[in-house]
Amino acid sequence: MEMLRGFIVSYRRGPKTQRPKECLLKFPHIKSFSEASSLIGRKVAWPVGERKCIGKIVAPHGKKGLVRARFRKGVPGEALGSQVEII
C-alpha cells in the first residue's frame, strides 16, 4: 500500500475560537464525502525532526473531501500548509 500524504489546511475554528488540537486536512486524490469517510479512524503524523505529532482522523469536513484530525498535543502554527502522512 502506498503512503498517503496530505496537507494541513487550517485549524478547526469558529467565529471567536480556534482549536489548535484539531486540524483540517486535505488529501489530493480524495474528492468526495464518501471517500473522506473511509479515512476515519486512521492515524496521521506530522513530522518534526525525529519526533512526530501523532493524531487521528475523527470526521469528514464538508462535502469536498476534507477531513478533521485531532492531535494529542497542539500542532504549531508553522505546520499549516505542510505535509502529513497516514501511518
N, C-alpha and C. Protein backbone atom coordinates (compact mmCIF):
# COMPACT_ATOMS: atom_id res chain seq x y z
N MET A 1 0.84 -1.18 0.00
CA MET A 1 0.00 0.00 0.00
C MET A 1 0.88 1.25 0.00
N GLU A 2 0.54 2.20 -0.83
CA GLU A 2 1.31 3.43 -0.88
C GLU A 2 1.01 4.30 0.33
N MET A 3 1.98 5.13 0.69
CA MET A 3 1.80 6.02 1.83
C MET A 3 1.00 7.23 1.38
N LEU A 4 -0.08 7.50 2.07
CA LEU A 4 -0.92 8.64 1.74
C LEU A 4 -0.35 9.90 2.37
N ARG A 5 -0.19 10.93 1.57
CA ARG A 5 0.30 12.21 2.06
C ARG A 5 -0.75 13.28 1.81
N GLY A 6 -0.93 14.13 2.80
CA GLY A 6 -1.88 15.21 2.68
C GLY A 6 -1.27 16.49 3.23
N PHE A 7 -2.10 17.53 3.31
CA PHE A 7 -1.64 18.83 3.77
C PHE A 7 -2.55 19.33 4.89
N ILE A 8 -1.95 20.04 5.83
CA ILE A 8 -2.75 20.71 6.87
C ILE A 8 -3.24 22.03 6.27
N VAL A 9 -4.55 22.16 6.18
CA VAL A 9 -5.14 23.34 5.57
C VAL A 9 -5.33 24.45 6.60
N SER A 10 -5.87 24.09 7.76
CA SER A 10 -6.18 25.09 8.77
C SER A 10 -6.47 24.39 10.09
N TYR A 11 -6.58 25.19 11.14
CA TYR A 11 -7.12 24.68 12.39
C TYR A 11 -8.64 24.63 12.26
N ARG A 12 -9.26 23.84 13.14
CA ARG A 12 -10.71 23.92 13.24
C ARG A 12 -11.01 25.17 14.04
N ARG A 13 -11.86 26.03 13.50
CA ARG A 13 -12.11 27.30 14.19
C ARG A 13 -13.53 27.77 14.00
N GLY A 14 -13.91 28.68 14.86
CA GLY A 14 -15.23 29.29 14.80
C GLY A 14 -15.06 30.79 14.75
N PRO A 15 -16.15 31.53 14.92
CA PRO A 15 -16.06 32.99 14.84
C PRO A 15 -15.13 33.60 15.90
N LYS A 16 -15.09 33.00 17.09
CA LYS A 16 -14.28 33.57 18.16
C LYS A 16 -13.31 32.59 18.78
N THR A 17 -13.23 31.38 18.25
CA THR A 17 -12.37 30.36 18.85
C THR A 17 -11.50 29.71 17.79
N GLN A 18 -10.42 29.12 18.26
CA GLN A 18 -9.53 28.35 17.39
C GLN A 18 -9.06 27.15 18.20
N ARG A 19 -9.10 25.98 17.60
CA ARG A 19 -8.73 24.76 18.32
C ARG A 19 -7.44 24.20 17.73
N PRO A 20 -6.30 24.46 18.35
CA PRO A 20 -5.03 24.00 17.78
C PRO A 20 -4.84 22.49 17.83
N LYS A 21 -5.66 21.79 18.61
CA LYS A 21 -5.55 20.33 18.64
C LYS A 21 -6.28 19.67 17.47
N GLU A 22 -7.17 20.41 16.80
CA GLU A 22 -7.91 19.85 15.67
C GLU A 22 -7.55 20.61 14.40
N CYS A 23 -7.19 19.84 13.37
CA CYS A 23 -6.78 20.43 12.10
C CYS A 23 -7.64 19.89 10.97
N LEU A 24 -7.77 20.69 9.92
CA LEU A 24 -8.43 20.24 8.71
C LEU A 24 -7.35 19.79 7.74
N LEU A 25 -7.50 18.59 7.21
CA LEU A 25 -6.51 18.01 6.30
C LEU A 25 -7.11 17.80 4.93
N LYS A 26 -6.29 18.00 3.90
CA LYS A 26 -6.69 17.78 2.51
C LYS A 26 -5.75 16.77 1.90
N PHE A 27 -6.31 15.68 1.38
CA PHE A 27 -5.55 14.68 0.64
C PHE A 27 -5.86 14.88 -0.84
N PRO A 28 -4.85 15.03 -1.70
CA PRO A 28 -5.07 15.44 -3.09
C PRO A 28 -6.01 14.55 -3.90
N HIS A 29 -5.98 13.25 -3.68
CA HIS A 29 -6.81 12.38 -4.52
C HIS A 29 -8.17 12.05 -3.89
N ILE A 30 -8.45 12.56 -2.70
CA ILE A 30 -9.75 12.38 -2.05
C ILE A 30 -10.64 13.55 -2.46
N LYS A 31 -11.73 13.28 -3.16
CA LYS A 31 -12.55 14.35 -3.73
C LYS A 31 -13.99 14.41 -3.20
N SER A 32 -14.44 13.39 -2.47
CA SER A 32 -15.84 13.37 -2.07
C SER A 32 -15.99 13.02 -0.58
N PHE A 33 -17.19 13.25 -0.09
CA PHE A 33 -17.53 12.96 1.30
C PHE A 33 -17.38 11.47 1.60
N SER A 34 -17.80 10.61 0.68
CA SER A 34 -17.74 9.17 0.93
C SER A 34 -16.31 8.65 0.94
N GLU A 35 -15.43 9.19 0.09
CA GLU A 35 -14.02 8.80 0.11
C GLU A 35 -13.36 9.28 1.40
N ALA A 36 -13.72 10.48 1.85
CA ALA A 36 -13.15 11.03 3.09
C ALA A 36 -13.63 10.22 4.30
N SER A 37 -14.85 9.72 4.25
CA SER A 37 -15.39 8.93 5.36
C SER A 37 -14.63 7.62 5.55
N SER A 38 -14.03 7.11 4.47
CA SER A 38 -13.28 5.85 4.58
C SER A 38 -11.97 6.02 5.35
N LEU A 39 -11.52 7.26 5.57
CA LEU A 39 -10.27 7.52 6.29
C LEU A 39 -10.46 7.65 7.79
N ILE A 40 -11.70 7.68 8.27
CA ILE A 40 -11.96 7.87 9.70
C ILE A 40 -11.35 6.73 10.50
N GLY A 41 -10.65 7.10 11.57
CA GLY A 41 -10.00 6.12 12.44
C GLY A 41 -8.54 5.89 12.13
N ARG A 42 -8.05 6.36 10.97
CA ARG A 42 -6.65 6.19 10.60
C ARG A 42 -5.80 7.19 11.38
N LYS A 43 -4.55 6.83 11.65
CA LYS A 43 -3.64 7.72 12.37
C LYS A 43 -2.80 8.51 11.38
N VAL A 44 -2.53 9.75 11.75
CA VAL A 44 -1.70 10.63 10.93
C VAL A 44 -0.54 11.14 11.77
N ALA A 45 0.54 11.52 11.09
CA ALA A 45 1.71 12.05 11.78
C ALA A 45 2.21 13.28 11.04
N TRP A 46 2.54 14.31 11.81
CA TRP A 46 3.22 15.49 11.28
C TRP A 46 4.65 15.42 11.76
N PRO A 47 5.60 15.19 10.84
CA PRO A 47 6.98 15.02 11.29
C PRO A 47 7.61 16.32 11.76
N VAL A 48 8.30 16.22 12.91
CA VAL A 48 9.07 17.34 13.46
C VAL A 48 10.44 16.78 13.76
N GLY A 49 11.35 16.80 12.79
CA GLY A 49 12.66 16.21 13.01
C GLY A 49 12.52 14.73 13.26
N GLU A 50 13.06 14.28 14.38
CA GLU A 50 12.97 12.86 14.68
C GLU A 50 11.72 12.50 15.48
N ARG A 51 11.06 13.50 16.09
CA ARG A 51 9.81 13.18 16.78
C ARG A 51 8.63 13.60 15.92
N LYS A 52 7.48 13.01 16.17
CA LYS A 52 6.30 13.28 15.35
C LYS A 52 5.12 13.64 16.23
N CYS A 53 4.27 14.53 15.74
CA CYS A 53 2.99 14.80 16.38
C CYS A 53 2.00 13.80 15.80
N ILE A 54 1.41 12.99 16.66
CA ILE A 54 0.51 11.93 16.23
C ILE A 54 -0.93 12.38 16.43
N GLY A 55 -1.77 12.10 15.45
CA GLY A 55 -3.19 12.42 15.55
C GLY A 55 -4.03 11.33 14.94
N LYS A 56 -5.33 11.53 14.99
CA LYS A 56 -6.27 10.54 14.48
C LYS A 56 -7.35 11.26 13.69
N ILE A 57 -7.73 10.72 12.55
CA ILE A 57 -8.79 11.30 11.74
C ILE A 57 -10.12 10.95 12.41
N VAL A 58 -10.90 11.98 12.75
CA VAL A 58 -12.11 11.75 13.53
C VAL A 58 -13.41 11.99 12.76
N ALA A 59 -13.38 12.78 11.68
CA ALA A 59 -14.62 13.07 10.97
C ALA A 59 -14.33 13.69 9.60
N PRO A 60 -15.24 13.53 8.65
CA PRO A 60 -15.12 14.31 7.41
C PRO A 60 -15.52 15.76 7.69
N HIS A 61 -15.13 16.65 6.82
CA HIS A 61 -15.44 18.07 7.00
C HIS A 61 -15.94 18.60 5.67
N GLY A 62 -17.22 18.84 5.57
CA GLY A 62 -17.79 19.33 4.33
C GLY A 62 -18.00 18.22 3.32
N LYS A 63 -18.31 18.59 2.09
CA LYS A 63 -18.65 17.61 1.05
C LYS A 63 -17.57 17.45 -0.02
N LYS A 64 -16.43 18.13 0.15
CA LYS A 64 -15.41 18.12 -0.90
C LYS A 64 -14.17 17.31 -0.56
N GLY A 65 -14.22 16.50 0.50
CA GLY A 65 -13.11 15.60 0.77
C GLY A 65 -12.15 16.01 1.87
N LEU A 66 -12.42 17.09 2.58
CA LEU A 66 -11.58 17.44 3.72
C LEU A 66 -11.91 16.54 4.90
N VAL A 67 -10.92 16.31 5.76
CA VAL A 67 -11.16 15.54 6.98
C VAL A 67 -10.66 16.33 8.18
N ARG A 68 -11.18 15.98 9.35
CA ARG A 68 -10.78 16.61 10.60
C ARG A 68 -9.94 15.63 11.38
N ALA A 69 -8.78 16.08 11.86
CA ALA A 69 -7.90 15.22 12.65
C ALA A 69 -7.67 15.86 14.01
N ARG A 70 -7.68 15.04 15.04
CA ARG A 70 -7.44 15.51 16.40
C ARG A 70 -6.07 15.00 16.83
N PHE A 71 -5.18 15.92 17.20
CA PHE A 71 -3.82 15.59 17.60
C PHE A 71 -3.73 15.51 19.11
N ARG A 72 -2.75 14.75 19.62
CA ARG A 72 -2.57 14.60 21.06
C ARG A 72 -2.14 15.90 21.70
N LYS A 73 -1.21 16.60 21.06
CA LYS A 73 -0.78 17.92 21.51
C LYS A 73 -1.13 18.90 20.41
N GLY A 74 -1.18 20.18 20.75
CA GLY A 74 -1.48 21.18 19.75
C GLY A 74 -0.40 21.25 18.69
N VAL A 75 -0.81 21.39 17.44
CA VAL A 75 0.12 21.49 16.32
C VAL A 75 0.54 22.96 16.20
N PRO A 76 1.84 23.25 16.06
CA PRO A 76 2.28 24.65 15.98
C PRO A 76 1.84 25.31 14.68
N GLY A 77 1.84 26.62 14.68
CA GLY A 77 1.42 27.38 13.51
C GLY A 77 2.28 27.14 12.28
N GLU A 78 3.55 26.78 12.47
CA GLU A 78 4.42 26.53 11.32
C GLU A 78 4.01 25.27 10.55
N ALA A 79 3.11 24.46 11.13
CA ALA A 79 2.64 23.25 10.47
C ALA A 79 1.61 23.53 9.39
N LEU A 80 0.96 24.69 9.46
CA LEU A 80 -0.08 25.00 8.48
C LEU A 80 0.52 25.05 7.08
N GLY A 81 -0.07 24.30 6.16
CA GLY A 81 0.43 24.23 4.80
C GLY A 81 1.46 23.16 4.58
N SER A 82 1.91 22.48 5.63
CA SER A 82 2.93 21.44 5.48
C SER A 82 2.28 20.06 5.35
N GLN A 83 3.10 19.07 5.06
CA GLN A 83 2.61 17.72 4.79
C GLN A 83 2.41 16.91 6.05
N VAL A 84 1.41 16.03 5.99
CA VAL A 84 1.20 14.99 6.99
C VAL A 84 1.13 13.68 6.25
N GLU A 85 1.35 12.60 6.97
CA GLU A 85 1.26 11.28 6.33
C GLU A 85 0.45 10.34 7.20
N ILE A 86 -0.25 9.43 6.54
CA ILE A 86 -1.03 8.41 7.25
C ILE A 86 -0.08 7.28 7.63
N ILE A 87 -0.13 6.90 8.92
CA ILE A 87 0.76 5.82 9.39
C ILE A 87 -0.07 4.59 9.75
